[in-house]
C-alpha cells in the first residue's frame, strides 16, 4: 500500500465517521422534543423549530456548498465544517433559552450542510 493510498483510506474513514455524526444530529432531536418542551417550558410548535431550523439551513447550504467545493480542497472544507458543527453543538448544549438553542441548531446546520452537496 502506498502512502497516497493510505492517506486516501484515512480520509475516507474520517469522512464516513463525520457523515455518521452529522446525520445523527438530524435525527436525535426528534426523540428529544418532549424533553425540550419540558425543560424550556415551550409549546410543541416552538420546540419543533429546533428540528425544522436545522433542516431548513441544511437545505439552503446545498447550493452554497457546491460553490465552496469548487473553490477549496475537500480536506479544508471538512475541517472547517466540523469546526462549525462543533461550535453549534457547544452553543446548543449551553443554551439557556429556546432562541439560543435554535441558534445553535442553525450553526450546526451550516456545519452539516457544507461538506454534503
N, C-alpha and C. Protein backbone atom coordinates (compact mmCIF):
# COMPACT_ATOMS: atom_id res chain seq x y z
N UNK A 1 0.84 -1.17 0.00
CA UNK A 1 0.00 0.00 0.00
C UNK A 1 0.89 1.24 0.00
N UNK A 2 0.62 2.17 -0.87
CA UNK A 2 1.44 3.37 -0.96
C UNK A 2 0.98 4.39 0.07
N UNK A 3 1.81 5.40 0.25
CA UNK A 3 1.49 6.46 1.20
C UNK A 3 0.23 7.21 0.77
N UNK A 4 0.11 7.47 -0.53
CA UNK A 4 -1.06 8.18 -1.04
C UNK A 4 -2.33 7.37 -0.83
N UNK A 5 -2.24 6.06 -1.01
CA UNK A 5 -3.38 5.18 -0.81
C UNK A 5 -3.79 5.15 0.66
N UNK A 6 -2.80 5.14 1.56
CA UNK A 6 -3.09 5.17 2.99
C UNK A 6 -3.76 6.47 3.39
N UNK A 7 -3.32 7.60 2.81
CA UNK A 7 -3.93 8.89 3.08
C UNK A 7 -5.39 8.90 2.63
N UNK A 8 -5.63 8.34 1.44
CA UNK A 8 -7.00 8.31 0.92
C UNK A 8 -7.89 7.43 1.79
N UNK A 9 -7.37 6.31 2.27
CA UNK A 9 -8.14 5.42 3.14
C UNK A 9 -8.46 6.12 4.45
N UNK A 10 -7.49 6.80 5.02
CA UNK A 10 -7.70 7.53 6.27
C UNK A 10 -8.72 8.64 6.07
N UNK A 11 -8.62 9.37 4.98
CA UNK A 11 -9.57 10.44 4.69
C UNK A 11 -10.98 9.88 4.52
N UNK A 12 -11.09 8.74 3.87
CA UNK A 12 -12.40 8.12 3.68
C UNK A 12 -13.01 7.70 5.01
N UNK A 13 -12.22 7.12 5.89
CA UNK A 13 -12.71 6.71 7.21
C UNK A 13 -13.17 7.91 8.01
N UNK A 14 -12.39 8.98 7.99
CA UNK A 14 -12.76 10.21 8.70
C UNK A 14 -14.05 10.79 8.13
N UNK A 15 -14.17 10.77 6.80
CA UNK A 15 -15.37 11.30 6.16
C UNK A 15 -16.60 10.48 6.52
N UNK A 16 -16.48 9.17 6.59
CA UNK A 16 -17.61 8.31 6.94
C UNK A 16 -18.03 8.55 8.39
N UNK A 17 -17.07 8.67 9.28
CA UNK A 17 -17.39 8.95 10.69
C UNK A 17 -18.07 10.31 10.82
N UNK A 18 -17.54 11.31 10.11
CA UNK A 18 -18.14 12.65 10.14
C UNK A 18 -19.56 12.62 9.59
N UNK A 19 -19.76 11.90 8.52
CA UNK A 19 -21.10 11.81 7.93
C UNK A 19 -22.07 11.15 8.90
N UNK A 20 -21.62 10.14 9.62
CA UNK A 20 -22.47 9.48 10.60
C UNK A 20 -22.84 10.43 11.73
N UNK A 21 -21.88 11.21 12.20
CA UNK A 21 -22.15 12.17 13.27
C UNK A 21 -23.13 13.25 12.82
N UNK A 22 -22.91 13.77 11.63
CA UNK A 22 -23.77 14.84 11.13
C UNK A 22 -25.17 14.32 10.84
N UNK A 23 -25.28 13.10 10.37
CA UNK A 23 -26.60 12.52 10.11
C UNK A 23 -27.35 12.24 11.42
N UNK A 24 -26.62 11.83 12.42
CA UNK A 24 -27.23 11.58 13.73
C UNK A 24 -27.81 12.87 14.31
N UNK A 25 -27.17 13.99 14.05
CA UNK A 25 -27.65 15.27 14.56
C UNK A 25 -29.02 15.62 14.00
N UNK A 26 -29.33 15.10 12.82
CA UNK A 26 -30.64 15.37 12.23
C UNK A 26 -31.74 14.62 12.98
N UNK A 27 -31.46 13.42 13.39
CA UNK A 27 -32.50 12.57 13.94
C UNK A 27 -32.57 12.58 15.47
N UNK A 28 -31.53 12.97 16.14
CA UNK A 28 -31.51 12.88 17.60
C UNK A 28 -32.52 13.83 18.24
N UNK A 29 -32.80 14.94 17.62
CA UNK A 29 -33.72 15.92 18.20
C UNK A 29 -35.16 15.41 18.15
N UNK A 30 -35.48 14.60 17.17
CA UNK A 30 -36.85 14.12 17.02
C UNK A 30 -37.33 13.42 18.29
N UNK A 31 -36.50 12.62 18.87
CA UNK A 31 -36.90 11.90 20.08
C UNK A 31 -36.83 12.78 21.32
N UNK A 32 -36.15 13.90 21.22
CA UNK A 32 -35.98 14.76 22.38
C UNK A 32 -36.93 15.94 22.46
N UNK A 33 -37.88 16.04 21.54
CA UNK A 33 -38.78 17.20 21.51
C UNK A 33 -39.59 17.32 22.80
N UNK A 34 -40.06 16.21 23.32
CA UNK A 34 -40.85 16.24 24.55
C UNK A 34 -39.99 16.76 25.72
N UNK A 35 -38.76 16.31 25.79
CA UNK A 35 -37.85 16.80 26.83
C UNK A 35 -37.53 18.27 26.67
N UNK A 36 -37.36 18.72 25.43
CA UNK A 36 -37.10 20.14 25.16
C UNK A 36 -38.29 20.97 25.60
N UNK A 37 -39.49 20.49 25.30
CA UNK A 37 -40.70 21.21 25.71
C UNK A 37 -40.77 21.33 27.23
N UNK A 38 -40.42 20.28 27.94
CA UNK A 38 -40.48 20.29 29.40
C UNK A 38 -39.38 21.16 29.99
N UNK A 39 -38.17 21.06 29.46
CA UNK A 39 -37.05 21.82 30.02
C UNK A 39 -37.17 23.32 29.80
N UNK A 40 -37.64 23.71 28.63
CA UNK A 40 -37.73 25.13 28.30
C UNK A 40 -39.13 25.70 28.47
N UNK A 41 -40.09 24.86 28.87
CA UNK A 41 -41.47 25.29 29.10
C UNK A 41 -42.03 26.01 27.87
N UNK A 42 -41.97 25.31 26.73
CA UNK A 42 -42.46 25.88 25.47
C UNK A 42 -43.48 24.93 24.84
N UNK A 43 -44.20 25.46 23.86
CA UNK A 43 -45.18 24.65 23.15
C UNK A 43 -44.49 23.73 22.15
N UNK A 44 -45.24 22.78 21.65
CA UNK A 44 -44.68 21.85 20.66
C UNK A 44 -44.32 22.58 19.37
N UNK A 45 -45.08 23.61 19.04
CA UNK A 45 -44.79 24.38 17.83
C UNK A 45 -43.42 25.03 17.90
N UNK A 46 -43.10 25.64 19.02
CA UNK A 46 -41.79 26.26 19.17
C UNK A 46 -40.68 25.21 19.28
N UNK A 47 -40.97 24.11 19.97
CA UNK A 47 -39.96 23.05 20.11
C UNK A 47 -39.62 22.43 18.76
N UNK A 48 -40.58 22.34 17.86
CA UNK A 48 -40.31 21.77 16.53
C UNK A 48 -39.36 22.64 15.71
N UNK A 49 -39.25 23.92 16.05
CA UNK A 49 -38.33 24.79 15.33
C UNK A 49 -36.88 24.38 15.55
N UNK A 50 -36.61 23.68 16.64
CA UNK A 50 -35.25 23.18 16.87
C UNK A 50 -34.88 22.21 15.74
N UNK A 51 -35.81 21.37 15.37
CA UNK A 51 -35.59 20.40 14.29
C UNK A 51 -35.71 21.07 12.93
N UNK A 52 -36.75 21.87 12.75
CA UNK A 52 -37.01 22.48 11.45
C UNK A 52 -35.93 23.47 11.03
N UNK A 53 -35.41 24.23 11.97
CA UNK A 53 -34.37 25.21 11.63
C UNK A 53 -33.12 24.52 11.10
N UNK A 54 -32.78 23.39 11.69
CA UNK A 54 -31.62 22.63 11.23
C UNK A 54 -31.81 22.17 9.79
N UNK A 55 -32.98 21.60 9.51
CA UNK A 55 -33.24 21.09 8.16
C UNK A 55 -33.37 22.22 7.14
N UNK A 56 -33.92 23.35 7.56
CA UNK A 56 -34.05 24.49 6.66
C UNK A 56 -32.67 25.00 6.25
N UNK A 57 -31.79 25.18 7.21
CA UNK A 57 -30.44 25.65 6.91
C UNK A 57 -29.68 24.61 6.10
N UNK A 58 -29.89 23.35 6.39
CA UNK A 58 -29.25 22.28 5.63
C UNK A 58 -29.63 22.37 4.15
N UNK A 59 -30.90 22.63 3.88
CA UNK A 59 -31.36 22.78 2.50
C UNK A 59 -30.78 24.01 1.82
N UNK A 60 -30.63 25.09 2.56
CA UNK A 60 -30.06 26.32 2.00
C UNK A 60 -28.58 26.14 1.68
N UNK A 61 -27.91 25.30 2.46
CA UNK A 61 -26.47 25.12 2.28
C UNK A 61 -26.11 24.30 1.05
N UNK A 62 -27.05 23.57 0.46
CA UNK A 62 -26.73 22.71 -0.68
C UNK A 62 -26.16 23.50 -1.85
N UNK A 63 -26.82 24.56 -2.34
CA UNK A 63 -26.20 25.29 -3.46
C UNK A 63 -24.93 26.04 -3.05
N UNK A 64 -24.89 26.49 -1.82
CA UNK A 64 -23.70 27.20 -1.35
C UNK A 64 -22.52 26.23 -1.26
N UNK A 65 -22.77 25.00 -0.82
CA UNK A 65 -21.68 24.03 -0.69
C UNK A 65 -21.11 23.64 -2.05
N UNK A 66 -21.93 23.67 -3.09
CA UNK A 66 -21.40 23.39 -4.44
C UNK A 66 -20.38 24.46 -4.84
N UNK A 67 -20.67 25.70 -4.52
CA UNK A 67 -19.73 26.79 -4.79
C UNK A 67 -18.45 26.62 -3.98
N UNK A 68 -18.61 26.29 -2.70
CA UNK A 68 -17.45 26.11 -1.82
C UNK A 68 -16.58 24.95 -2.30
N UNK A 69 -17.21 23.86 -2.76
CA UNK A 69 -16.47 22.68 -3.21
C UNK A 69 -15.60 22.97 -4.43
N UNK A 70 -16.04 23.91 -5.25
CA UNK A 70 -15.24 24.27 -6.42
C UNK A 70 -14.05 25.15 -6.07
N UNK A 71 -14.11 25.83 -4.95
CA UNK A 71 -13.07 26.81 -4.61
C UNK A 71 -12.02 26.29 -3.63
N UNK A 72 -12.37 25.29 -2.81
CA UNK A 72 -11.45 24.86 -1.75
C UNK A 72 -11.24 23.35 -1.80
N UNK A 73 -10.17 22.90 -1.15
CA UNK A 73 -9.87 21.47 -1.07
C UNK A 73 -10.82 20.80 -0.10
N UNK A 74 -11.12 19.53 -0.35
CA UNK A 74 -12.07 18.80 0.46
C UNK A 74 -11.62 18.66 1.91
N UNK A 75 -10.33 18.53 2.13
CA UNK A 75 -9.82 18.42 3.50
C UNK A 75 -10.10 19.70 4.29
N UNK A 76 -9.88 20.85 3.66
CA UNK A 76 -10.16 22.13 4.31
C UNK A 76 -11.65 22.29 4.57
N UNK A 77 -12.45 21.91 3.60
CA UNK A 77 -13.90 22.01 3.74
C UNK A 77 -14.38 21.15 4.91
N UNK A 78 -13.90 19.92 4.98
CA UNK A 78 -14.32 19.02 6.04
C UNK A 78 -13.88 19.53 7.41
N UNK A 79 -12.65 20.01 7.52
CA UNK A 79 -12.16 20.52 8.80
C UNK A 79 -12.97 21.73 9.26
N UNK A 80 -13.20 22.67 8.37
CA UNK A 80 -13.95 23.87 8.73
C UNK A 80 -15.40 23.52 9.07
N UNK A 81 -16.01 22.64 8.29
CA UNK A 81 -17.41 22.29 8.55
C UNK A 81 -17.55 21.57 9.89
N UNK A 82 -16.61 20.71 10.22
CA UNK A 82 -16.67 20.03 11.52
C UNK A 82 -16.45 21.01 12.67
N UNK A 83 -15.59 22.00 12.47
CA UNK A 83 -15.38 23.04 13.49
C UNK A 83 -16.67 23.86 13.68
N UNK A 84 -17.31 24.25 12.58
CA UNK A 84 -18.57 24.99 12.67
C UNK A 84 -19.63 24.14 13.37
N UNK A 85 -19.70 22.88 13.02
CA UNK A 85 -20.66 21.98 13.65
C UNK A 85 -20.38 21.85 15.15
N UNK A 86 -19.11 21.76 15.52
CA UNK A 86 -18.74 21.67 16.94
C UNK A 86 -19.14 22.94 17.69
N UNK A 87 -18.93 24.09 17.09
CA UNK A 87 -19.32 25.35 17.72
C UNK A 87 -20.84 25.37 17.93
N UNK A 88 -21.59 24.96 16.91
CA UNK A 88 -23.04 24.89 17.05
C UNK A 88 -23.48 23.93 18.14
N UNK A 89 -22.78 22.82 18.27
CA UNK A 89 -23.09 21.84 19.30
C UNK A 89 -22.87 22.42 20.69
N UNK A 90 -21.77 23.14 20.87
CA UNK A 90 -21.48 23.76 22.17
C UNK A 90 -22.52 24.83 22.49
N UNK A 91 -22.87 25.64 21.50
CA UNK A 91 -23.90 26.67 21.71
C UNK A 91 -25.22 26.02 22.10
N UNK A 92 -25.62 24.97 21.39
CA UNK A 92 -26.88 24.28 21.71
C UNK A 92 -26.81 23.62 23.09
N UNK A 93 -25.68 23.06 23.43
CA UNK A 93 -25.53 22.40 24.73
C UNK A 93 -25.64 23.39 25.88
N UNK A 94 -25.09 24.57 25.69
CA UNK A 94 -25.09 25.58 26.76
C UNK A 94 -26.28 26.52 26.70
N UNK A 95 -27.24 26.26 25.84
CA UNK A 95 -28.36 27.17 25.61
C UNK A 95 -29.18 27.39 26.87
N UNK A 96 -29.29 28.66 27.30
CA UNK A 96 -30.12 28.96 28.46
C UNK A 96 -31.60 29.13 28.12
N UNK A 97 -31.88 29.35 26.83
CA UNK A 97 -33.27 29.52 26.41
C UNK A 97 -33.46 28.95 25.00
N UNK A 98 -34.69 29.01 24.55
CA UNK A 98 -35.05 28.39 23.28
C UNK A 98 -34.40 29.08 22.08
N UNK A 99 -34.29 30.39 22.11
CA UNK A 99 -33.70 31.14 20.99
C UNK A 99 -32.23 30.74 20.79
N UNK A 100 -31.50 30.61 21.86
CA UNK A 100 -30.09 30.22 21.76
C UNK A 100 -29.98 28.77 21.29
N UNK A 101 -30.89 27.91 21.72
CA UNK A 101 -30.89 26.52 21.26
C UNK A 101 -31.14 26.46 19.75
N UNK A 102 -32.10 27.24 19.27
CA UNK A 102 -32.36 27.27 17.83
C UNK A 102 -31.17 27.84 17.08
N UNK A 103 -30.54 28.86 17.63
CA UNK A 103 -29.33 29.43 17.01
C UNK A 103 -28.22 28.37 16.93
N UNK A 104 -28.05 27.60 17.99
CA UNK A 104 -27.06 26.52 17.97
C UNK A 104 -27.36 25.50 16.89
N UNK A 105 -28.64 25.17 16.72
CA UNK A 105 -29.02 24.23 15.67
C UNK A 105 -28.81 24.81 14.28
N UNK A 106 -29.01 26.11 14.12
CA UNK A 106 -28.74 26.76 12.83
C UNK A 106 -27.26 26.66 12.51
N UNK A 107 -26.42 26.92 13.50
CA UNK A 107 -24.96 26.81 13.29
C UNK A 107 -24.58 25.37 12.96
N UNK A 108 -25.20 24.42 13.64
CA UNK A 108 -24.96 23.01 13.32
C UNK A 108 -25.38 22.71 11.88
N UNK A 109 -26.50 23.26 11.45
CA UNK A 109 -26.96 23.04 10.09
C UNK A 109 -25.99 23.59 9.06
N UNK A 110 -25.38 24.72 9.36
CA UNK A 110 -24.37 25.28 8.46
C UNK A 110 -23.19 24.32 8.36
N UNK A 111 -22.72 23.86 9.51
CA UNK A 111 -21.58 22.93 9.51
C UNK A 111 -21.91 21.60 8.85
N UNK A 112 -23.11 21.11 9.05
CA UNK A 112 -23.50 19.82 8.45
C UNK A 112 -23.77 19.95 6.96
N UNK A 113 -24.20 21.11 6.52
CA UNK A 113 -24.56 21.28 5.11
C UNK A 113 -23.41 21.57 4.19
N UNK A 114 -22.30 22.02 4.71
CA UNK A 114 -21.17 22.39 3.86
C UNK A 114 -20.56 21.20 3.13
N UNK A 115 -20.21 20.11 3.79
CA UNK A 115 -19.49 19.06 3.06
C UNK A 115 -20.36 18.15 2.20
N UNK A 116 -21.67 18.26 2.32
CA UNK A 116 -22.54 17.31 1.63
C UNK A 116 -23.38 18.01 0.57
N UNK A 117 -22.84 18.12 -0.63
CA UNK A 117 -23.62 18.73 -1.72
C UNK A 117 -24.16 17.68 -2.63
